[in-house]
Protein backbone atom coordinates (compact mmCIF):
# COMPACT_ATOMS: atom_id res chain seq x y z
CA UNK A 1 0.00 0.00 0.00
CA UNK A 2 1.31 3.44 -0.93
CA UNK A 3 0.31 6.55 0.95
CA UNK A 4 1.05 10.01 -0.43
CA UNK A 5 0.40 13.18 1.49
CA UNK A 6 0.45 16.77 0.37
CA UNK A 7 -1.19 19.07 -2.10
CA UNK A 8 -2.35 16.77 -4.86
CA UNK A 9 -2.45 19.49 -7.54
CA UNK A 10 0.88 21.12 -6.67
CA UNK A 11 2.94 17.93 -6.82
CA UNK A 12 2.65 17.38 -10.59
CA UNK A 13 3.01 21.10 -11.30
CA UNK A 14 6.11 21.25 -9.09
CA UNK A 15 7.56 18.18 -10.78
CA UNK A 16 7.12 19.70 -14.23
CA UNK A 17 8.57 23.04 -13.10
CA UNK A 18 11.60 21.32 -11.58
CA UNK A 19 12.04 19.22 -14.71
CA UNK A 20 12.36 22.33 -16.87
CA UNK A 21 14.37 24.30 -14.29
CA UNK A 22 16.91 21.53 -13.76
CA UNK A 23 19.63 22.82 -16.07
CA UNK A 24 19.58 26.45 -14.84
CA UNK A 25 19.62 25.26 -11.23
CA UNK A 26 22.52 22.88 -11.91
CA UNK A 27 24.43 25.61 -13.75
CA UNK A 28 23.86 28.11 -10.94
CA UNK A 29 24.96 25.60 -8.32
CA UNK A 30 28.06 24.67 -10.32
CA UNK A 31 29.01 28.34 -10.78
CA UNK A 32 28.51 29.05 -7.08
CA UNK A 33 30.71 26.10 -6.09
CA UNK A 34 33.42 27.15 -8.55
CA UNK A 35 33.31 30.72 -7.24
CA UNK A 36 33.57 29.51 -3.63
CA UNK A 37 36.50 27.27 -4.57
CA UNK A 38 38.27 30.18 -6.28
CA UNK A 39 37.75 32.39 -3.22
CA UNK A 40 39.03 29.60 -0.97
CA UNK A 41 42.13 29.17 -3.13
CA UNK A 42 42.79 32.92 -3.03
CA UNK A 43 42.37 33.06 0.74
CA UNK A 44 44.56 30.01 1.22
CA UNK A 45 47.29 31.48 -0.99
CA UNK A 46 47.31 34.61 1.18
CA UNK A 47 47.68 32.53 4.36
CA UNK A 48 50.52 30.27 3.23
CA UNK A 49 53.34 32.78 3.90
CA UNK A 50 52.18 32.94 7.52
CA UNK A 51 52.85 30.16 9.95
CA UNK A 52 52.48 29.24 13.59
CA UNK A 53 50.80 31.76 15.88
CA UNK A 54 50.28 34.36 13.14
CA UNK A 55 48.31 31.85 11.09
CA UNK A 56 46.22 30.74 14.07
CA UNK A 57 45.37 34.36 14.91
CA UNK A 58 44.37 35.09 11.30
CA UNK A 59 42.10 32.04 11.15
CA UNK A 60 40.51 32.81 14.53
CA UNK A 61 39.84 36.40 13.46
CA UNK A 62 38.25 35.26 10.19
CA UNK A 63 36.02 32.74 11.98
CA UNK A 64 34.81 35.22 14.56
CA UNK A 65 34.33 38.12 12.15
CA UNK A 66 30.70 39.30 12.20
CA UNK A 67 30.67 41.25 8.92
CA UNK A 68 32.45 40.28 5.71
CA UNK A 69 35.25 42.57 4.60
């Protein structure tokens, strides 16, 4: 026995909408991940000259920062 709950009319409409929106959503997700990876690589490259306590202080400051920038 199969039991399905929810809005019976919105499920098929949502499925069709997601079917056609799949490529733009995938592309947007992929671009966001690539951008985040590029930012991570840039940040990591800036941190590599530092070591020891200076690096720990920089990481702690970045993690506790309340506003970006």
